[in-house]
Amino acid sequence: MRLIVGLGNPGVEYAWTPHNLGFLVVDRLAEQTGIRVTRPEAKSLVGRGSWAGHEVVLAKPQTMMNLSGLAVRELVRRAECSPAELIVICDDVALPWGMIRVRERGSAGGHNGLKSIIGAVGTMEFSRVRLGVQPPGPVGELSEYVLRQIRRDEEQIVAEEIEQGAEAVKLMVAEGTHSAMNRFNRRVAAPDAEPEGA
């Protein structure tokens, strides 16, 4: 069993914001696999199905982002899986737009959703797919930046990131996290130091 959780905030006002890229990737996976993510369960919207010979659960927690761990802990219990079988998809302000980063484990890196999940499940040992939404320059409040509406000039790169995120998750399920890391962990900007929290 693989439990695939996209992070975001419920509500139409948040649907098309950088902070909801996790939800958008799960929606794309649902389209591609024919799994309907509509059943209320474990403080989430959930769909079950299979691909690549694996049983999968797709989930979108309906808590607010900062409380995602409450839903994920219950999802892990109900799916009878270990945190090692969990894949979390979220935005990351430390990565440039258009870049995705697959990891087997790691800290929250300042992401409140990841911080909540780590606290709730008691481990950092779960896979994650992080989608870049880095501001182009200094911003006042990061929370305001990630909760703003995605701009028209960002829509193409957002669509590409969603597609790449979905492909990364499918490869993780089919062939393992290392295969996805080797394929998708590539820079889209000029080489520089590793982003903080990577």
Protein backbone atom coordinates (compact mmCIF):
# COMPACT_ATOMS: atom_id res chain seq x y z
CA MET A 1 0.00 0.00 0.00
CA ARG A 2 1.24 3.50 -0.85
CA LEU A 3 -0.42 6.48 0.82
CA ILE A 4 -0.06 9.61 -1.34
CA VAL A 5 -0.99 12.85 0.37
CA GLY A 6 -1.10 16.25 -1.32
CA LEU A 7 -0.96 19.24 1.01
CA GLY A 8 -3.08 22.35 0.70
CA ASN A 9 -5.84 24.36 2.28
CA PRO A 10 -9.51 23.49 1.72
CA GLY A 11 -11.82 26.13 0.27
CA VAL A 12 -12.28 27.78 -3.12
CA GLU A 13 -10.34 30.87 -2.03
CA TYR A 14 -7.19 28.74 -1.70
CA ALA A 15 -7.70 26.40 -4.67
CA TRP A 16 -5.40 28.23 -7.11
CA THR A 17 -2.59 29.38 -4.82
CA PRO A 18 1.08 28.29 -4.61
CA HIS A 19 0.44 26.64 -1.22
CA ASN A 20 -2.05 24.25 -2.85
CA LEU A 21 0.25 22.63 -5.42
CA GLY A 22 0.08 19.39 -3.43
CA PHE A 23 -3.70 19.27 -3.92
CA LEU A 24 -3.28 20.05 -7.62
CA VAL A 25 -0.84 17.17 -8.13
CA VAL A 26 -3.23 14.76 -6.41
CA ASP A 27 -6.02 16.04 -8.68
CA ARG A 28 -3.80 15.34 -11.71
CA LEU A 29 -2.99 11.84 -10.44
CA ALA A 30 -6.70 11.23 -9.94
CA GLU A 31 -7.37 12.24 -13.55
CA GLN A 32 -4.60 10.00 -14.88
CA THR A 33 -5.50 6.93 -12.82
CA GLY A 34 -9.27 7.23 -12.72
CA ILE A 35 -9.28 7.28 -8.92
CA ARG A 36 -12.00 9.56 -7.51
CA VAL A 37 -10.74 11.52 -4.52
CA THR A 38 -14.15 12.34 -3.09
CA ARG A 39 -14.84 10.17 -0.04
CA PRO A 40 -14.68 11.94 3.34
CA GLU A 41 -12.42 9.92 5.61
CA ALA A 42 -9.80 10.70 8.28
CA LYS A 43 -10.33 14.48 8.04
CA SER A 44 -9.54 14.19 4.31
CA LEU A 45 -10.96 13.55 0.87
CA VAL A 46 -9.78 10.09 -0.13
CA GLY A 47 -9.76 7.77 -3.13
CA ARG A 48 -8.47 4.21 -3.38
CA GLY A 49 -7.27 2.33 -6.42
CA SER A 50 -4.21 0.75 -7.97
CA TRP A 51 -1.54 1.34 -10.55
CA ALA A 52 1.73 -0.35 -11.49
CA GLY A 53 0.59 -3.36 -9.46
CA HIS A 54 0.36 -1.40 -6.21
CA GLU A 55 -2.63 -0.52 -4.07
CA VAL A 56 -2.68 3.25 -3.54
CA VAL A 57 -4.62 5.77 -1.50
CA LEU A 58 -4.81 9.35 -2.75
CA ALA A 59 -5.70 11.92 -0.10
CA LYS A 60 -6.20 15.65 0.36
CA PRO A 61 -6.38 16.62 4.06
CA GLN A 62 -9.27 18.94 4.80
CA THR A 63 -7.70 20.41 7.91
CA MET A 64 -5.92 23.68 7.33
CA MET A 65 -2.31 23.26 6.17
CA ASN A 66 -0.81 23.82 9.64
CA LEU A 67 -2.85 20.88 11.01
CA SER A 68 -2.15 18.42 8.19
CA GLY A 69 -0.53 15.98 10.62
CA LEU A 70 -3.85 15.29 12.35
CA ALA A 71 -5.25 13.96 9.08
CA VAL A 72 -2.09 12.16 7.97
CA ARG A 73 -1.72 10.29 11.28
CA GLU A 74 -5.27 8.98 10.92
CA LEU A 75 -4.74 8.18 7.22
CA VAL A 76 -1.63 6.13 8.03
CA ARG A 77 -3.55 4.22 10.69
CA ARG A 78 -6.57 3.52 8.50
CA ALA A 79 -4.47 2.48 5.51
CA GLU A 80 -2.48 0.17 7.82
CA CYS A 81 0.77 1.39 6.32
CA SER A 82 4.03 2.60 7.80
CA PRO A 83 5.39 6.15 7.38
CA ALA A 84 7.93 4.61 4.97
CA GLU A 85 5.00 3.94 2.60
CA LEU A 86 3.86 7.57 2.77
CA ILE A 87 4.52 10.10 -0.02
CA VAL A 88 3.77 13.75 0.77
CA ILE A 89 3.51 16.37 -1.99
CA CYS A 90 3.91 20.05 -1.11
CA ASP A 91 5.13 23.45 -2.25
CA ASP A 92 8.59 24.73 -1.28
CA VAL A 93 9.65 28.39 -1.18
CA ALA A 94 13.34 27.36 -1.11
CA LEU A 95 13.15 25.92 -4.65
CA PRO A 96 12.73 28.01 -7.83
CA TRP A 97 9.50 27.80 -9.81
CA GLY A 98 9.69 24.85 -12.20
CA MET A 99 11.99 22.74 -10.01
CA ILE A 100 10.82 19.68 -8.16
CA ARG A 101 12.82 17.78 -5.57
CA VAL A 102 12.21 14.18 -4.48
CA ARG A 103 13.49 13.12 -1.06
CA GLU A 104 13.31 9.91 0.98
CA ARG A 105 13.34 11.77 4.30
CA GLY A 106 14.23 15.13 5.78
CA SER A 107 13.29 18.00 8.03
CA ALA A 108 10.28 20.26 7.56
CA GLY A 109 12.49 22.96 6.01
CA GLY A 110 10.20 25.64 7.42
CA HIS A 111 7.05 24.15 5.83
CA ASN A 112 4.25 24.15 8.41
CA GLY A 113 2.41 21.25 6.80
CA LEU A 114 5.50 19.03 6.89
CA LYS A 115 6.23 20.20 10.43
CA SER A 116 2.73 19.13 11.51
CA ILE A 117 3.10 15.72 9.84
CA ILE A 118 6.52 15.04 11.39
CA GLY A 119 5.13 15.91 14.81
CA ALA A 120 2.02 13.77 14.36
CA VAL A 121 3.61 10.61 12.93
CA GLY A 122 6.75 10.96 15.04
CA THR A 123 9.32 10.56 12.28
CA MET A 124 10.97 12.35 9.34
CA GLU A 125 11.35 9.00 7.55
CA PHE A 126 8.78 9.47 4.81
CA SER A 127 9.17 10.41 1.15
CA ARG A 128 8.20 13.79 -0.17
CA VAL A 129 7.91 15.59 -3.50
CA ARG A 130 8.57 19.30 -3.12
CA LEU A 131 7.48 21.75 -5.83
CA GLY A 132 9.32 25.04 -6.21
CA VAL A 133 7.44 28.32 -5.65
CA GLN A 134 10.36 30.55 -4.66
CA PRO A 135 9.65 34.30 -4.71
CA PRO A 136 11.61 36.16 -7.41
CA GLY A 137 12.83 38.63 -4.79
CA PRO A 138 12.30 39.71 -1.20
CA VAL A 139 8.71 39.53 0.05
CA GLY A 140 7.17 40.93 3.21
CA GLU A 141 5.27 37.93 4.54
CA LEU A 142 5.90 34.50 3.05
CA SER A 143 2.46 33.40 4.22
CA GLU A 144 0.83 36.10 2.11
CA TYR A 145 3.01 35.14 -0.88
CA VAL A 146 2.07 31.43 -0.84
CA LEU A 147 -1.62 32.18 -0.23
CA ARG A 148 -1.98 34.66 -3.10
CA GLN A 149 -3.61 33.64 -6.38
CA ILE A 150 -1.34 32.15 -9.04
CA ARG A 151 -0.77 34.82 -11.70
CA ARG A 152 -1.55 34.42 -15.37
CA ASP A 153 2.14 34.59 -16.30
CA GLU A 154 2.85 31.70 -13.90
CA GLU A 155 0.16 29.34 -15.21
CA GLN A 156 2.34 27.55 -17.78
CA ILE A 157 5.14 26.75 -15.36
CA VAL A 158 2.59 25.70 -12.73
CA ALA A 159 1.00 23.30 -15.23
CA GLU A 160 4.43 21.84 -16.03
CA GLU A 161 5.27 21.47 -12.34
CA ILE A 162 1.98 19.69 -11.64
CA GLU A 163 2.64 17.31 -14.53
CA GLN A 164 6.21 16.63 -13.39
CA GLY A 165 5.07 16.14 -9.80
CA ALA A 166 2.49 13.57 -10.89
CA GLU A 167 5.05 11.73 -13.02
CA ALA A 168 7.51 11.69 -10.11
CA VAL A 169 4.93 10.15 -7.77
CA LYS A 170 4.00 7.49 -10.33
CA LEU A 171 7.67 6.58 -10.76
CA MET A 172 8.13 6.41 -6.98
CA VAL A 173 5.27 3.93 -6.77
CA ALA A 174 6.36 1.89 -9.78
CA GLU A 175 10.16 1.81 -9.33
CA GLY A 176 11.01 3.40 -5.98
CA THR A 177 12.08 6.77 -4.66
CA HIS A 178 15.68 6.50 -5.86
CA SER A 179 14.56 6.14 -9.49
CA ALA A 180 12.45 9.27 -9.13
CA MET A 181 15.32 11.16 -7.47
CA ASN A 182 17.67 10.25 -10.31
CA ARG A 183 15.19 11.39 -12.95
CA PHE A 184 13.62 14.48 -11.42
CA ASN A 185 16.18 16.08 -9.07
CA ARG A 186 17.58 18.47 -11.65
CA ARG A 187 18.15 22.18 -11.45
CA VAL A 188 16.23 24.59 -13.65
CA ALA A 189 18.18 27.69 -12.59
CA ALA A 190 21.85 28.58 -12.63
CA PRO A 191 23.88 26.37 -10.28
CA ASP A 192 24.22 27.75 -6.77
CA ALA A 193 24.28 26.59 -3.18
CA GLU A 194 21.81 23.95 -2.06
CA PRO A 195 18.60 25.66 -0.85
CA GLU A 196 18.19 25.76 2.90
CA GLY A 197 16.16 22.84 4.20
CA ALA A 198 16.88 20.68 1.15
